[in-house]
Amino acid sequence: MGKRVIKTMITMLAMFAMIGFGTNQTEAASVYTVKSGDSLYKIGQTNGVPVQILQSMNHLNSDKIYPGQKLSLPDSLSSSDKDLLARLVTAEAKGEPYAGKVAVATVVLNRVDNPNFPNSVRDVIYQIDNGYYAFSPVANGEINKPANAESKRAVQEALAFRGQGNGSLYFYNPKTSTSKWIFSKQVTVKIGNHVFAK
C-alpha cells in the first residue's frame, strides 16, 4: 500500500473512533420503537433527552412520529447524575412551584452547556468559586438528603427541554440574597420566590 492510502485509512479510523467513542450529547446509545400514544416530548421526558436533539438525530422536520417508527436515542445523564441533580432541586427549590423546580434543574444543565462553567452535572454542582460552593445545599449538607418524586420529575422535564429555555445561569431569592453582584445579572424569569438570571 502507498503512503497516501495508509494516511487516508488512519484518518478514517481516527474519525470513526471520534464518532463511535466520543462523549458528545448526541451520541446514539439505543434505538426506541415508537408506540401508539407516544410523542417526542413524552419520549424525551421519559428518557431524559432534549426534544431538539431527538429531532436532529433522527432528521425530523416536525414533531410527527408514527407507531413502529425507530428513533435513535442519544446518551442521557447517568442515573447517579440525575439523582444528584434531583437532590439539588429538592434542597434548593423546597416549597417552590413545580415550574421553579424545573427551572433550577435547567440552570444546572445550562451551566454544563456553557463554556464558562464545568462540563458535567457533578462538577457544576460541586463547583467552588472564590472559596464558596456555588450551591448552598452542598455547603450545608442538604445535598445528601434523598430527592423527592416531584424533583425527579422536574429533572426529567428539564432534560427534555434542554437548550430551549431563556438561558438562565443563576437563580436567587431576592429576600435572602446578600450578593450585590447577582442583582447586576439580566433577569430572565421570576418563578415563586426565585429570580432567574443570566
C-alpha atoms as a PDB file:
ATOM      1  CA  MET A   1       0.000   0.000   0.000  1.00  0.00           C
ATOM      2  CA  GLY A   2       1.146   3.513  -0.733  1.00  0.00           C
ATOM      3  CA  LYS A   3       1.726   6.139   1.953  1.00  0.00           C
ATOM      4  CA  ARG A   4      -1.295   8.088   0.740  1.00  0.00           C
ATOM      5  CA  VAL A   5      -3.636   5.105   1.143  1.00  0.00           C
ATOM      6  CA  ILE A   6      -2.286   4.354   4.626  1.00  0.00           C
ATOM      7  CA  LYS A   7      -2.636   8.003   5.646  1.00  0.00           C
ATOM      8  CA  THR A   8      -6.244   8.056   4.386  1.00  0.00           C
ATOM      9  CA  MET A   9      -7.051   4.842   6.302  1.00  0.00           C
ATOM     10  CA  ILE A  10      -5.537   6.238   9.510  1.00  0.00           C
ATOM     11  CA  THR A  11      -7.551   9.445   9.101  1.00  0.00           C
ATOM     12  CA  MET A  12     -10.755   7.450   8.551  1.00  0.00           C
ATOM     13  CA  LEU A  13     -10.073   5.237  11.579  1.00  0.00           C
ATOM     14  CA  ALA A  14      -9.491   8.324  13.714  1.00  0.00           C
ATOM     15  CA  MET A  15     -12.788   9.808  12.508  1.00  0.00           C
ATOM     16  CA  PHE A  16     -14.671   6.570  13.292  1.00  0.00           C
ATOM     17  CA  ALA A  17     -13.087   6.472  16.738  1.00  0.00           C
ATOM     18  CA  MET A  18     -14.178  10.053  17.419  1.00  0.00           C
ATOM     19  CA  ILE A  19     -17.698   9.332  16.218  1.00  0.00           C
ATOM     20  CA  GLY A  20     -18.006   5.939  17.892  1.00  0.00           C
ATOM     21  CA  PHE A  21     -16.385   6.664  21.219  1.00  0.00           C
ATOM     22  CA  GLY A  22     -16.967  10.382  21.741  1.00  0.00           C
ATOM     23  CA  THR A  23     -18.882  11.727  24.696  1.00  0.00           C
ATOM     24  CA  ASN A  24     -20.974  14.128  22.647  1.00  0.00           C
ATOM     25  CA  GLN A  25     -24.511  14.604  23.901  1.00  0.00           C
ATOM     26  CA  THR A  26     -25.886  13.421  20.561  1.00  0.00           C
ATOM     27  CA  GLU A  27     -24.058  10.078  20.537  1.00  0.00           C
ATOM     28  CA  ALA A  28     -26.569   7.295  19.860  1.00  0.00           C
ATOM     29  CA  ALA A  29     -26.936   4.971  22.814  1.00  0.00           C
ATOM     30  CA  SER A  30     -30.021   2.993  21.825  1.00  0.00           C
ATOM     31  CA  VAL A  31     -32.935   2.653  19.449  1.00  0.00           C
ATOM     32  CA  TYR A  32     -36.512   3.272  20.556  1.00  0.00           C
ATOM     33  CA  THR A  33     -39.579   1.931  18.753  1.00  0.00           C
ATOM     34  CA  VAL A  34     -42.443   4.441  18.796  1.00  0.00           C
ATOM     35  CA  LYS A  35     -45.625   3.152  20.419  1.00  0.00           C
ATOM     36  CA  SER A  36     -49.209   4.311  19.947  1.00  0.00           C
ATOM     37  CA  GLY A  37     -49.784   7.476  22.014  1.00  0.00           C
ATOM     38  CA  ASP A  38     -46.099   8.458  22.054  1.00  0.00           C
ATOM     39  CA  SER A  39     -44.933  11.990  21.329  1.00  0.00           C
ATOM     40  CA  LEU A  40     -41.405  13.367  21.045  1.00  0.00           C
ATOM     41  CA  TYR A  41     -41.993  15.235  24.302  1.00  0.00           C
ATOM     42  CA  LYS A  42     -43.112  12.073  26.120  1.00  0.00           C
ATOM     43  CA  ILE A  43     -40.168  10.066  24.747  1.00  0.00           C
ATOM     44  CA  GLY A  44     -37.778  12.875  25.628  1.00  0.00           C
ATOM     45  CA  GLN A  45     -39.134  13.267  29.154  1.00  0.00           C
ATOM     46  CA  THR A  46     -39.156   9.523  29.834  1.00  0.00           C
ATOM     47  CA  ASN A  47     -35.595   9.089  28.591  1.00  0.00           C
ATOM     48  CA  GLY A  48     -34.151  12.408  29.775  1.00  0.00           C
ATOM     49  CA  VAL A  49     -33.348  13.543  26.250  1.00  0.00           C
ATOM     50  CA  PRO A  50     -33.900  17.019  24.744  1.00  0.00           C
ATOM     51  CA  VAL A  51     -36.645  17.044  22.106  1.00  0.00           C
ATOM     52  CA  GLN A  52     -34.450  19.157  19.795  1.00  0.00           C
ATOM     53  CA  ILE A  53     -31.733  16.505  19.933  1.00  0.00           C
ATOM     54  CA  LEU A  54     -34.271  13.767  19.152  1.00  0.00           C
ATOM     55  CA  GLN A  55     -35.407  15.749  16.120  1.00  0.00           C
ATOM     56  CA  SER A  56     -31.879  16.493  14.963  1.00  0.00           C
ATOM     57  CA  MET A  57     -30.534  12.948  15.423  1.00  0.00           C
ATOM     58  CA  ASN A  58     -33.455  11.421  13.583  1.00  0.00           C
ATOM     59  CA  HIS A  59     -33.614  14.073  10.821  1.00  0.00           C
ATOM     60  CA  LEU A  60     -37.184  15.023  11.727  1.00  0.00           C
ATOM     61  CA  ASN A  61     -38.558  18.278  10.334  1.00  0.00           C
ATOM     62  CA  SER A  62     -41.632  18.229  12.563  1.00  0.00           C
ATOM     63  CA  ASP A  63     -42.949  16.686  15.777  1.00  0.00           C
ATOM     64  CA  LYS A  64     -44.845  13.969  13.885  1.00  0.00           C
ATOM     65  CA  ILE A  65     -43.881  10.392  14.692  1.00  0.00           C
ATOM     66  CA  TYR A  66     -45.651   7.106  13.929  1.00  0.00           C
ATOM     67  CA  PRO A  67     -46.114   3.807  15.792  1.00  0.00           C
ATOM     68  CA  GLY A  68     -43.427   1.356  14.719  1.00  0.00           C
ATOM     69  CA  GLN A  69     -41.001   4.115  13.726  1.00  0.00           C
ATOM     70  CA  LYS A  70     -37.449   3.567  15.013  1.00  0.00           C
ATOM     71  CA  LEU A  71     -35.773   6.530  16.727  1.00  0.00           C
ATOM     72  CA  SER A  72     -32.147   6.786  17.771  1.00  0.00           C
ATOM     73  CA  LEU A  73     -31.805   7.963  21.359  1.00  0.00           C
ATOM     74  CA  PRO A  74     -28.696   9.841  22.455  1.00  0.00           C
ATOM     75  CA  ASP A  75     -26.905   9.221  25.708  1.00  0.00           C
ATOM     76  CA  SER A  76     -28.589  10.964  28.598  1.00  0.00           C
ATOM     77  CA  LEU A  77     -27.286  11.736  32.054  1.00  0.00           C
ATOM     78  CA  SER A  78     -26.265   8.775  34.164  1.00  0.00           C
ATOM     79  CA  SER A  79     -28.707   7.715  36.850  1.00  0.00           C
ATOM     80  CA  SER A  80     -26.289   8.962  39.528  1.00  0.00           C
ATOM     81  CA  ASP A  81     -26.116  12.423  37.881  1.00  0.00           C
ATOM     82  CA  LYS A  82     -29.915  12.549  37.624  1.00  0.00           C
ATOM     83  CA  ASP A  83     -30.186  11.619  41.298  1.00  0.00           C
ATOM     84  CA  LEU A  84     -27.620  14.248  42.300  1.00  0.00           C
ATOM     85  CA  LEU A  85     -29.431  16.907  40.276  1.00  0.00           C
ATOM     86  CA  ALA A  86     -32.793  15.886  41.761  1.00  0.00           C
ATOM     87  CA  ARG A  87     -31.316  16.110  45.272  1.00  0.00           C
ATOM     88  CA  LEU A  88     -30.077  19.631  44.496  1.00  0.00           C
ATOM     89  CA  VAL A  89     -33.511  20.594  43.155  1.00  0.00           C
ATOM     90  CA  THR A  90     -35.176  19.167  46.277  1.00  0.00           C
ATOM     91  CA  ALA A  91     -32.890  21.203  48.542  1.00  0.00           C
ATOM     92  CA  GLU A  92     -32.840  24.437  46.520  1.00  0.00           C
ATOM     93  CA  ALA A  93     -36.497  24.566  45.491  1.00  0.00           C
ATOM     94  CA  LYS A  94     -38.194  23.269  48.627  1.00  0.00           C
ATOM     95  CA  GLY A  95     -41.621  24.916  48.797  1.00  0.00           C
ATOM     96  CA  GLU A  96     -41.316  26.331  45.268  1.00  0.00           C
ATOM     97  CA  PRO A  97     -43.835  25.574  42.496  1.00  0.00           C
ATOM     98  CA  TYR A  98     -43.117  22.737  40.065  1.00  0.00           C
ATOM     99  CA  ALA A  99     -42.058  25.203  37.337  1.00  0.00           C
ATOM    100  CA  GLY A 100     -39.469  26.587  39.758  1.00  0.00           C
ATOM    101  CA  LYS A 101     -38.064  23.112  40.301  1.00  0.00           C
ATOM    102  CA  VAL A 102     -37.744  22.589  36.540  1.00  0.00           C
ATOM    103  CA  ALA A 103     -36.054  25.995  36.266  1.00  0.00           C
ATOM    104  CA  VAL A 104     -33.488  25.141  38.976  1.00  0.00           C
ATOM    105  CA  ALA A 105     -32.583  21.911  37.142  1.00  0.00           C
ATOM    106  CA  THR A 106     -32.383  23.904  33.911  1.00  0.00           C
ATOM    107  CA  VAL A 107     -29.869  26.327  35.434  1.00  0.00           C
ATOM    108  CA  VAL A 108     -27.522  23.414  36.179  1.00  0.00           C
ATOM    109  CA  LEU A 109     -27.933  21.982  32.664  1.00  0.00           C
ATOM    110  CA  ASN A 110     -27.356  25.437  31.142  1.00  0.00           C
ATOM    111  CA  ARG A 111     -24.142  25.718  33.120  1.00  0.00           C
ATOM    112  CA  VAL A 112     -22.987  22.299  31.877  1.00  0.00           C
ATOM    113  CA  ASP A 113     -23.582  23.502  28.310  1.00  0.00           C
ATOM    114  CA  ASN A 114     -21.891  26.895  28.883  1.00  0.00           C
ATOM    115  CA  PRO A 115     -18.115  27.140  28.298  1.00  0.00           C
ATOM    116  CA  ASN A 116     -17.701  29.372  31.384  1.00  0.00           C
ATOM    117  CA  PHE A 117     -18.702  26.545  33.747  1.00  0.00           C
ATOM    118  CA  PRO A 118     -17.599  22.936  34.306  1.00  0.00           C
ATOM    119  CA  ASN A 119     -18.897  20.463  31.718  1.00  0.00           C
ATOM    120  CA  SER A 120     -20.575  17.864  33.930  1.00  0.00           C
ATOM    121  CA  VAL A 121     -23.522  17.948  36.324  1.00  0.00           C
ATOM    122  CA  ARG A 122     -21.368  16.745  39.226  1.00  0.00           C
ATOM    123  CA  ASP A 123     -18.665  19.355  38.604  1.00  0.00           C
ATOM    124  CA  VAL A 124     -21.214  22.172  38.261  1.00  0.00           C
ATOM    125  CA  ILE A 125     -22.963  21.208  41.491  1.00  0.00           C
ATOM    126  CA  TYR A 126     -19.733  20.846  43.463  1.00  0.00           C
ATOM    127  CA  GLN A 127     -18.001  23.874  41.903  1.00  0.00           C
ATOM    128  CA  ILE A 128     -16.132  26.133  44.309  1.00  0.00           C
ATOM    129  CA  ASP A 129     -15.739  29.783  43.326  1.00  0.00           C
ATOM    130  CA  ASN A 130     -13.780  32.247  45.452  1.00  0.00           C
ATOM    131  CA  GLY A 131     -13.757  29.757  48.321  1.00  0.00           C
ATOM    132  CA  TYR A 132     -17.539  29.159  48.312  1.00  0.00           C
ATOM    133  CA  TYR A 133     -19.671  26.370  46.890  1.00  0.00           C
ATOM    134  CA  ALA A 134     -21.871  27.518  44.018  1.00  0.00           C
ATOM    135  CA  PHE A 135     -24.929  25.990  45.709  1.00  0.00           C
ATOM    136  CA  SER A 136     -25.623  26.326  49.433  1.00  0.00           C
ATOM    137  CA  PRO A 137     -27.060  22.774  49.840  1.00  0.00           C
ATOM    138  CA  VAL A 138     -23.572  21.446  49.089  1.00  0.00           C
ATOM    139  CA  ALA A 139     -22.105  23.572  51.886  1.00  0.00           C
ATOM    140  CA  ASN A 140     -24.819  22.792  54.454  1.00  0.00           C
ATOM    141  CA  GLY A 141     -25.185  19.073  53.631  1.00  0.00           C
ATOM    142  CA  GLU A 142     -28.784  19.226  52.331  1.00  0.00           C
ATOM    143  CA  ILE A 143     -27.482  17.783  49.022  1.00  0.00           C
ATOM    144  CA  ASN A 144     -27.052  14.439  50.823  1.00  0.00           C
ATOM    145  CA  LYS A 145     -30.764  14.050  51.578  1.00  0.00           C
ATOM    146  CA  PRO A 146     -32.902  11.947  49.198  1.00  0.00           C
ATOM    147  CA  ALA A 147     -34.705  13.625  46.314  1.00  0.00           C
ATOM    148  CA  ASN A 148     -38.478  13.749  46.291  1.00  0.00           C
ATOM    149  CA  ALA A 149     -40.584  12.428  43.395  1.00  0.00           C
ATOM    150  CA  GLU A 150     -41.539  15.893  42.132  1.00  0.00           C
ATOM    151  CA  SER A 151     -37.882  16.937  41.865  1.00  0.00           C
ATOM    152  CA  LYS A 152     -37.045  13.741  39.961  1.00  0.00           C
ATOM    153  CA  ARG A 153     -39.859  14.502  37.534  1.00  0.00           C
ATOM    154  CA  ALA A 154     -38.650  18.118  37.213  1.00  0.00           C
ATOM    155  CA  VAL A 155     -35.170  16.889  36.250  1.00  0.00           C
ATOM    156  CA  GLN A 156     -36.652  14.673  33.519  1.00  0.00           C
ATOM    157  CA  GLU A 157     -38.653  17.614  32.173  1.00  0.00           C
ATOM    158  CA  ALA A 158     -35.636  19.928  32.253  1.00  0.00           C
ATOM    159  CA  LEU A 159     -33.674  17.317  30.280  1.00  0.00           C
ATOM    160  CA  ALA A 160     -36.473  17.012  27.711  1.00  0.00           C
ATOM    161  CA  PHE A 161     -36.451  20.767  27.102  1.00  0.00           C
ATOM    162  CA  ARG A 162     -32.677  21.222  27.421  1.00  0.00           C
ATOM    163  CA  GLY A 163     -31.463  24.173  25.382  1.00  0.00           C
ATOM    164  CA  GLN A 164     -34.929  25.640  24.780  1.00  0.00           C
ATOM    165  CA  GLY A 165     -35.280  27.999  27.739  1.00  0.00           C
ATOM    166  CA  ASN A 166     -34.188  31.561  28.420  1.00  0.00           C
ATOM    167  CA  GLY A 167     -30.554  30.645  29.051  1.00  0.00           C
ATOM    168  CA  SER A 168     -30.703  31.175  32.825  1.00  0.00           C
ATOM    169  CA  LEU A 169     -27.375  30.536  34.550  1.00  0.00           C
ATOM    170  CA  TYR A 170     -28.239  31.792  38.034  1.00  0.00           C
ATOM    171  CA  PHE A 171     -31.134  31.913  40.465  1.00  0.00           C
ATOM    172  CA  TYR A 172     -31.603  33.613  43.808  1.00  0.00           C
ATOM    173  CA  ASN A 173     -34.175  34.666  46.344  1.00  0.00           C
ATOM    174  CA  PRO A 174     -34.133  38.491  46.412  1.00  0.00           C
ATOM    175  CA  LYS A 175     -35.422  38.486  50.013  1.00  0.00           C
ATOM    176  CA  THR A 176     -32.468  36.487  51.328  1.00  0.00           C
ATOM    177  CA  SER A 177     -29.621  37.076  48.872  1.00  0.00           C
ATOM    178  CA  THR A 178     -26.714  39.142  50.184  1.00  0.00           C
ATOM    179  CA  SER A 179     -24.737  39.237  46.928  1.00  0.00           C
ATOM    180  CA  LYS A 180     -24.881  42.606  45.174  1.00  0.00           C
ATOM    181  CA  TRP A 181     -23.189  41.019  42.165  1.00  0.00           C
ATOM    182  CA  ILE A 182     -26.169  38.762  41.436  1.00  0.00           C
ATOM    183  CA  PHE A 183     -28.511  41.758  41.227  1.00  0.00           C
ATOM    184  CA  SER A 184     -26.492  43.041  38.249  1.00  0.00           C
ATOM    185  CA  LYS A 185     -27.394  39.996  36.119  1.00  0.00           C
ATOM    186  CA  GLN A 186     -30.120  40.163  33.462  1.00  0.00           C
ATOM    187  CA  VAL A 187     -33.371  38.724  34.820  1.00  0.00           C
ATOM    188  CA  THR A 188     -34.883  36.038  32.592  1.00  0.00           C
ATOM    189  CA  VAL A 189     -37.920  34.977  34.625  1.00  0.00           C
ATOM    190  CA  LYS A 190     -39.397  35.057  38.131  1.00  0.00           C
ATOM    191  CA  ILE A 191     -40.954  31.870  39.492  1.00  0.00           C
ATOM    192  CA  GLY A 192     -42.190  31.628  43.051  1.00  0.00           C
ATOM    193  CA  ASN A 193     -39.622  33.128  45.401  1.00  0.00           C
ATOM    194  CA  HIS A 194     -36.756  32.770  42.915  1.00  0.00           C
ATOM    195  CA  VAL A 195     -35.426  35.168  40.324  1.00  0.00           C
ATOM    196  CA  PHE A 196     -33.605  33.519  37.405  1.00  0.00           C
ATOM    197  CA  ALA A 197     -30.929  35.407  35.517  1.00  0.00           C
ATOM    198  CA  LYS A 198     -28.110  35.161  33.007  1.00  0.00           C
END
